Amino acid sequence: MPKCHYCEREAVVRLPYAKLNLCEKHFEEYLLRKLERSIARYGMFKKGERVIVGVSGGKDSIVLADLLSKLGSARLLVVHVDLGIGEYSRKSSEVVRRFSVERGLDYFIVRLLDYNTSIPELASSLRSRRPCSICGVVKRYVLNAVALDLGFDAVATAHHGDDISVYILKSFLTQDYDQLYKISPVNPGIKGLAARRVKPFYEFYEFEIEKFAEAKNLMYVSEKCPFKHIGWLEKIIRDLLEKAEEEAPGFKIALLRSHARRVLAVEGRSAEKPKACASCGLISEGSECSFCRLTRRALGYPLGLQVRRSIVSSAGFTIRADSKQA
């Protein structure tokens, strides 16, 4: 590996799109500046706001929480949803707990098993839906509920540019324009119904995240979720985008910025007013939100209100990472 672009140390990473070789120190500084610029460019959150970071325990979310904590521009709460997937979930919860303790971050773990359910159980009851789809509904609901009921300003997730660019092209090719215009670096909040959702890694490549985790020897769950599924169309699109990136480094970032300009320009112009779920009171496209509708079908009753009440009642037990409980 050649020398760092900024000093005489050996480089730990090559960034083709930026034409830079960087040592560990300057790589971290580069990513922190990039993260700060992305937050400012898209107006994700202001200095001092209270931000929830959804952390699964995988490399992407661990690195996001690590960089945001070092950036220090927001008051963070790490939130982990324990999906009840056996040993995988046990490891994930422990990694999140240990990471939070080491970083001195508050953390809050919501366990599906506390509500007598799990992703395997829900997937078994709803065979017409893929487990990944069910998991997405559950995580989005819980993060939104925690943010609203505990008074946080935004929810940050670790979706990175490689995955987001695939979602953009897939939605375009399948003519799913409703989904296409939901893919954004920032989804504004709606008072009392939905927290602002932000993607600080919108312009980050997965290899950057992976290299940083490796360079810093960060602890994360390397095993893939046993339910993870990648469809044939996603694989084709991913391969196409990788070839385009090889031919023209920075292609994905250009695509993502172009998409963001279009989406943010039309955001908020919908004539439809947001609705409140009849069962739990959070945002819904119909009479009942996706989470309550899903749990009603699987369990025989909507789970949303129970989850919200539990979050509020257990808020006093949010664990400070430097407490004796940790």
Protein backbone atom coordinates (compact mmCIF):
# COMPACT_ATOMS: atom_id res chain seq x y z
CA MET A 1 0.00 0.00 0.00
CA PRO A 2 1.42 3.46 -0.92
CA LYS A 3 1.95 6.39 1.45
CA CYS A 4 -0.88 8.55 2.75
CA HIS A 5 -1.77 11.56 0.60
CA TYR A 6 -1.37 13.88 3.62
CA CYS A 7 1.59 12.38 5.51
CA GLU A 8 4.36 9.79 5.34
CA ARG A 9 2.41 7.02 7.06
CA GLU A 10 1.39 3.92 5.18
CA ALA A 11 -2.09 4.19 3.70
CA VAL A 12 -4.78 1.79 4.96
CA VAL A 13 -7.32 2.59 2.25
CA ARG A 14 -7.56 3.76 -1.34
CA LEU A 15 -10.57 5.96 -2.26
CA PRO A 16 -10.80 5.83 -6.08
CA TYR A 17 -13.65 8.37 -6.32
CA ALA A 18 -11.61 10.91 -4.32
CA LYS A 19 -8.23 9.88 -5.79
CA LEU A 20 -6.82 9.55 -2.27
CA ASN A 21 -4.70 7.09 -0.32
CA LEU A 22 -5.18 7.62 3.41
CA CYS A 23 -3.56 6.43 6.62
CA GLU A 24 -5.74 5.46 9.57
CA LYS A 25 -5.63 8.94 11.15
CA HIS A 26 -6.46 10.86 7.98
CA PHE A 27 -9.04 8.27 6.92
CA GLU A 28 -10.98 8.87 10.14
CA GLU A 29 -10.68 12.64 9.70
CA TYR A 30 -11.86 12.33 6.09
CA LEU A 31 -14.94 10.28 7.04
CA LEU A 32 -15.84 12.66 9.88
CA ARG A 33 -15.66 15.65 7.49
CA LYS A 34 -17.69 13.75 4.90
CA LEU A 35 -20.31 12.84 7.51
CA GLU A 36 -20.50 16.43 8.75
CA ARG A 37 -20.93 17.73 5.18
CA SER A 38 -23.68 15.20 4.42
CA ILE A 39 -25.59 16.16 7.57
CA ALA A 40 -25.33 19.84 6.65
CA ARG A 41 -26.01 19.39 2.92
CA TYR A 42 -29.31 17.63 3.49
CA GLY A 43 -30.30 19.38 6.74
CA MET A 44 -30.50 16.12 8.66
CA PHE A 45 -30.30 17.59 12.14
CA LYS A 46 -29.00 20.65 13.94
CA LYS A 47 -26.27 20.83 16.53
CA GLY A 48 -27.56 19.81 19.93
CA GLU A 49 -30.69 18.01 18.69
CA ARG A 50 -31.63 14.66 20.21
CA VAL A 51 -31.05 11.85 17.73
CA ILE A 52 -31.81 8.15 17.95
CA VAL A 53 -29.34 5.87 16.18
CA GLY A 54 -30.79 2.54 15.12
CA VAL A 55 -28.02 0.01 15.79
CA SER A 56 -28.45 -3.62 14.73
CA GLY A 57 -24.97 -4.70 15.79
CA GLY A 58 -23.68 -5.06 12.23
CA LYS A 59 -20.73 -3.09 10.88
CA ASP A 60 -22.73 -0.33 9.19
CA SER A 61 -24.73 0.75 12.24
CA ILE A 62 -21.80 0.30 14.65
CA VAL A 63 -19.60 2.54 12.48
CA LEU A 64 -22.40 5.12 12.17
CA ALA A 65 -22.85 5.29 15.94
CA ASP A 66 -19.08 5.47 16.41
CA LEU A 67 -18.61 8.35 13.96
CA LEU A 68 -21.64 10.28 15.20
CA SER A 69 -20.40 9.99 18.78
CA LYS A 70 -17.00 11.34 17.71
CA LEU A 71 -18.60 14.13 15.70
CA GLY A 72 -20.42 15.23 18.83
CA SER A 73 -23.00 17.37 17.03
CA ALA A 74 -26.06 15.62 18.50
CA ARG A 75 -27.24 14.05 21.75
CA LEU A 76 -27.44 10.37 20.90
CA LEU A 77 -29.47 7.42 22.10
CA VAL A 78 -28.55 4.01 20.70
CA VAL A 79 -31.70 1.94 20.09
CA HIS A 80 -31.54 -1.77 19.31
CA VAL A 81 -34.47 -4.00 18.37
CA ASP A 82 -33.88 -7.56 19.55
CA LEU A 83 -35.74 -9.56 16.90
CA GLY A 84 -35.81 -12.85 18.82
CA ILE A 85 -33.77 -14.75 16.20
CA GLY A 86 -32.02 -17.14 18.55
CA GLU A 87 -28.25 -16.89 18.93
CA TYR A 88 -27.99 -14.26 16.21
CA SER A 89 -30.13 -11.82 18.22
CA ARG A 90 -28.38 -12.70 21.47
CA LYS A 91 -24.99 -11.84 19.94
CA SER A 92 -26.35 -8.68 18.35
CA SER A 93 -27.84 -7.36 21.59
CA GLU A 94 -24.61 -8.07 23.49
CA VAL A 95 -22.49 -6.33 20.87
CA VAL A 96 -24.72 -3.23 21.02
CA ARG A 97 -24.62 -3.23 24.83
CA ARG A 98 -20.83 -3.58 25.00
CA PHE A 99 -20.28 -0.94 22.30
CA SER A 100 -22.53 1.53 24.12
CA VAL A 101 -20.74 0.88 27.41
CA GLU A 102 -17.33 1.46 25.84
CA ARG A 103 -18.45 4.70 24.15
CA GLY A 104 -20.32 6.04 27.18
CA LEU A 105 -23.57 6.19 25.20
CA ASP A 106 -27.11 5.77 26.50
CA TYR A 107 -28.80 2.77 24.97
CA PHE A 108 -32.28 1.29 24.87
CA ILE A 109 -33.09 -2.28 23.83
CA VAL A 110 -36.59 -3.29 22.73
CA ARG A 111 -37.08 -7.07 22.77
CA LEU A 112 -39.85 -8.63 20.71
CA LEU A 113 -39.85 -11.62 23.05
CA ASP A 114 -41.12 -9.27 25.78
CA TYR A 115 -44.30 -9.04 23.70
CA ASN A 116 -44.47 -12.82 23.24
CA THR A 117 -43.45 -12.73 19.60
CA SER A 118 -40.38 -12.74 17.33
CA ILE A 119 -39.47 -12.42 13.66
CA PRO A 120 -39.46 -16.24 13.21
CA GLU A 121 -42.95 -16.44 14.73
CA LEU A 122 -44.30 -13.56 12.67
CA ALA A 123 -42.74 -14.98 9.49
CA SER A 124 -44.24 -18.39 10.22
CA SER A 125 -47.71 -16.85 10.58
CA LEU A 126 -47.37 -14.60 7.52
CA ARG A 127 -45.97 -16.91 4.88
CA SER A 128 -47.03 -14.55 2.08
CA ARG A 129 -44.45 -11.98 3.26
CA ARG A 130 -40.69 -12.36 3.32
CA PRO A 131 -39.07 -12.16 6.77
CA CYS A 132 -36.96 -9.17 5.63
CA SER A 133 -40.13 -7.24 4.81
CA ILE A 134 -41.63 -8.06 8.20
CA CYS A 135 -38.40 -7.09 9.95
CA GLY A 136 -38.37 -3.73 8.14
CA VAL A 137 -41.91 -2.94 9.29
CA VAL A 138 -41.08 -3.87 12.89
CA LYS A 139 -37.83 -1.88 13.07
CA ARG A 140 -39.29 1.24 11.46
CA TYR A 141 -42.24 1.17 13.83
CA VAL A 142 -40.19 0.68 16.99
CA LEU A 143 -37.63 3.37 16.13
CA ASN A 144 -40.41 5.83 15.28
CA ALA A 145 -42.31 5.02 18.47
CA VAL A 146 -39.22 5.41 20.66
CA ALA A 147 -38.37 8.75 19.03
CA LEU A 148 -41.87 10.20 19.42
CA ASP A 149 -42.66 8.83 22.86
CA LEU A 150 -39.29 9.76 24.38
CA GLY A 151 -39.12 13.19 22.72
CA PHE A 152 -36.30 12.78 20.21
CA ASP A 153 -35.90 14.96 17.11
CA ALA A 154 -34.75 12.42 14.52
CA VAL A 155 -34.01 8.78 13.81
CA ALA A 156 -30.70 8.00 12.06
CA THR A 157 -30.21 4.70 10.26
CA ALA A 158 -27.10 3.27 8.61
CA HIS A 159 -28.40 2.74 5.06
CA HIS A 160 -25.39 3.40 2.82
CA GLY A 161 -25.05 4.58 -0.75
CA ASP A 162 -24.39 1.14 -2.27
CA ASP A 163 -27.72 -0.22 -1.03
CA ILE A 164 -29.68 3.00 -1.57
CA SER A 165 -28.57 3.28 -5.21
CA VAL A 166 -29.84 -0.28 -5.77
CA TYR A 167 -33.23 0.64 -4.26
CA ILE A 168 -33.44 3.71 -6.50
CA LEU A 169 -32.83 1.79 -9.72
CA LYS A 170 -35.05 -1.11 -8.69
CA SER A 171 -37.97 1.23 -7.94
CA PHE A 172 -37.46 2.99 -11.27
CA LEU A 173 -37.25 -0.24 -13.29
CA THR A 174 -40.34 -1.70 -11.63
CA GLN A 175 -42.17 1.63 -12.04
CA ASP A 176 -42.80 1.84 -8.30
CA TYR A 177 -42.77 5.63 -8.19
CA ASP A 178 -44.44 5.83 -4.77
CA GLN A 179 -41.48 3.92 -3.30
CA LEU A 180 -38.98 5.82 -5.45
CA TYR A 181 -39.99 9.16 -3.96
CA LYS A 182 -39.80 7.79 -0.43
CA ILE A 183 -36.09 7.04 -0.90
CA SER A 184 -34.42 10.17 0.41
CA PRO A 185 -31.53 11.23 2.65
CA VAL A 186 -34.16 12.96 4.81
CA ASN A 187 -37.83 12.12 5.36
CA PRO A 188 -39.39 15.04 7.28
CA GLY A 189 -41.18 14.42 10.53
CA ILE A 190 -44.91 14.91 11.06
CA LYS A 191 -45.84 16.20 14.51
CA GLY A 192 -47.30 13.48 16.68
CA LEU A 193 -47.19 10.89 13.89
CA ALA A 194 -43.69 10.38 12.55
CA ALA A 195 -40.18 11.37 13.57
CA ARG A 196 -37.78 12.81 11.02
CA ARG A 197 -35.79 9.97 9.44
CA VAL A 198 -32.24 10.60 8.23
CA LYS A 199 -29.56 8.57 6.47
CA PRO A 200 -26.15 10.07 7.34
CA PHE A 201 -24.40 7.39 5.21
CA TYR A 202 -26.41 8.38 2.11
CA GLU A 203 -23.19 9.19 0.19
CA PHE A 204 -20.96 6.56 1.84
CA TYR A 205 -19.67 3.44 0.13
CA GLU A 206 -19.85 0.11 1.93
CA PHE A 207 -16.12 -0.51 1.43
CA GLU A 208 -15.35 2.73 3.33
CA ILE A 209 -17.44 1.58 6.27
CA GLU A 210 -15.88 -1.88 6.21
CA LYS A 211 -12.32 -0.51 5.99
CA PHE A 212 -12.95 1.87 8.90
CA ALA A 213 -14.36 -0.92 11.08
CA GLU A 214 -11.29 -3.01 10.23
CA ALA A 215 -8.80 -0.18 10.82
CA LYS A 216 -10.36 0.65 14.20
CA ASN A 217 -10.86 -2.99 15.16
CA LEU A 218 -14.49 -2.30 15.97
CA MET A 219 -16.51 -5.12 17.44
CA TYR A 220 -19.59 -6.02 15.39
CA VAL A 221 -21.66 -9.03 14.37
CA SER A 222 -20.14 -10.34 11.15
CA GLU A 223 -22.68 -13.13 10.64
CA LYS A 224 -25.51 -12.41 8.22
CA CYS A 225 -29.06 -12.60 9.51
CA PRO A 226 -30.33 -16.13 8.76
CA PHE A 227 -33.42 -14.60 7.15
CA LYS A 228 -31.55 -12.17 4.86
CA HIS A 229 -32.67 -12.42 1.25
CA ILE A 230 -31.37 -10.67 -1.87
CA GLY A 231 -33.59 -11.03 -4.93
CA TRP A 232 -32.40 -11.71 -8.47
CA LEU A 233 -33.17 -8.17 -9.66
CA GLU A 234 -31.20 -6.61 -6.80
CA LYS A 235 -28.21 -8.81 -7.70
CA ILE A 236 -28.32 -7.74 -11.34
CA ILE A 237 -28.64 -4.05 -10.45
CA ARG A 238 -25.83 -4.29 -7.89
CA ASP A 239 -23.49 -5.87 -10.47
CA LEU A 240 -24.42 -3.18 -13.01
CA LEU A 241 -23.70 -0.38 -10.56
CA GLU A 242 -20.37 -1.94 -9.55
CA LYS A 243 -19.29 -2.03 -13.20
CA ALA A 244 -20.37 1.59 -13.67
CA GLU A 245 -18.42 2.60 -10.56
CA GLU A 246 -15.30 0.85 -11.83
CA GLU A 247 -15.53 2.69 -15.15
CA ALA A 248 -16.37 6.04 -13.56
CA PRO A 249 -15.43 6.30 -9.86
CA GLY A 250 -17.99 8.46 -8.09
CA PHE A 251 -20.86 7.38 -10.37
CA LYS A 252 -22.99 6.22 -7.44
CA ILE A 253 -22.54 9.46 -5.52
CA ALA A 254 -23.56 11.45 -8.63
CA LEU A 255 -26.65 9.23 -8.98
CA LEU A 256 -27.55 9.64 -5.31
CA ARG A 257 -27.16 13.43 -5.37
CA SER A 258 -29.21 13.75 -8.53
CA HIS A 259 -31.98 11.63 -7.02
CA ALA A 260 -31.90 13.61 -3.77
CA ARG A 261 -32.28 16.93 -5.63
CA ARG A 262 -35.39 15.68 -7.42
CA VAL A 263 -36.97 14.06 -4.36
CA LEU A 264 -36.33 16.97 -2.00
CA ALA A 265 -37.66 19.43 -4.61
CA VAL A 266 -41.10 17.77 -4.63
CA GLU A 267 -41.24 16.66 -1.01
CA GLY A 268 -44.27 17.81 0.95
CA ARG A 269 -46.40 18.56 -2.12
CA SER A 270 -48.68 15.55 -1.71
CA ALA A 271 -52.35 16.46 -1.50
CA GLU A 272 -53.01 13.58 0.87
CA LYS A 273 -53.00 14.40 4.55
CA PRO A 274 -51.24 11.92 6.84
CA LYS A 275 -53.52 9.70 8.88
CA ALA A 276 -53.25 8.38 12.43
CA CYS A 277 -53.54 4.64 13.01
CA ALA A 278 -56.84 3.80 14.68
CA SER A 279 -55.09 1.25 16.90
CA CYS A 280 -51.92 3.03 18.05
CA GLY A 281 -52.09 6.65 16.86
CA LEU A 282 -48.91 6.70 14.75
CA ILE A 283 -48.67 7.45 11.04
CA SER A 284 -50.64 5.26 8.68
CA GLU A 285 -51.55 5.19 5.00
CA GLY A 286 -54.91 3.63 5.83
CA SER A 287 -57.09 3.15 8.89
CA GLU A 288 -54.37 1.03 10.54
CA CYS A 289 -50.57 1.29 10.30
CA SER A 290 -48.46 -1.45 8.75
CA PHE A 291 -47.21 -2.68 12.13
CA CYS A 292 -50.63 -2.96 13.74
CA ARG A 293 -52.09 -4.54 10.61
CA LEU A 294 -49.20 -7.03 10.42
CA THR A 295 -49.40 -8.03 14.09
CA ARG A 296 -53.19 -8.27 13.96
CA ARG A 297 -52.91 -10.76 11.10
CA ALA A 298 -50.14 -12.76 12.78
CA LEU A 299 -51.18 -12.62 16.44
CA GLY A 300 -54.88 -11.84 16.31
CA TYR A 301 -54.48 -8.36 17.81
CA PRO A 302 -52.55 -5.14 17.00
CA LEU A 303 -49.39 -4.73 19.05
CA GLY A 304 -48.67 -1.05 18.47
CA LEU A 305 -50.29 0.50 21.53
CA GLN A 306 -48.76 -2.13 23.82
CA VAL A 307 -45.29 -1.37 22.43
CA ARG A 308 -45.79 2.38 22.86
CA ARG A 309 -46.99 2.04 26.45
CA SER A 310 -44.09 -0.25 27.26
CA ILE A 311 -41.58 2.24 25.84
CA VAL A 312 -42.97 5.04 27.98
CA SER A 313 -43.16 2.93 31.15
CA SER A 314 -39.62 1.62 30.75
CA ALA A 315 -38.08 4.95 29.73
CA GLY A 316 -36.83 5.41 33.27
CA PHE A 317 -34.75 2.28 32.80
CA THR A 318 -32.88 3.54 29.75
CA ILE A 319 -29.39 2.48 30.76
CA ARG A 320 -26.62 5.00 31.02
CA ALA A 321 -23.55 3.29 29.65
CA ASP A 322 -21.47 4.33 32.64
CA SER A 323 -24.00 3.10 35.22
CA LYS A 324 -23.59 0.07 37.46
CA GLN A 325 -26.30 -1.72 35.50
CA ALA A 326 -24.10 -1.62 32.41
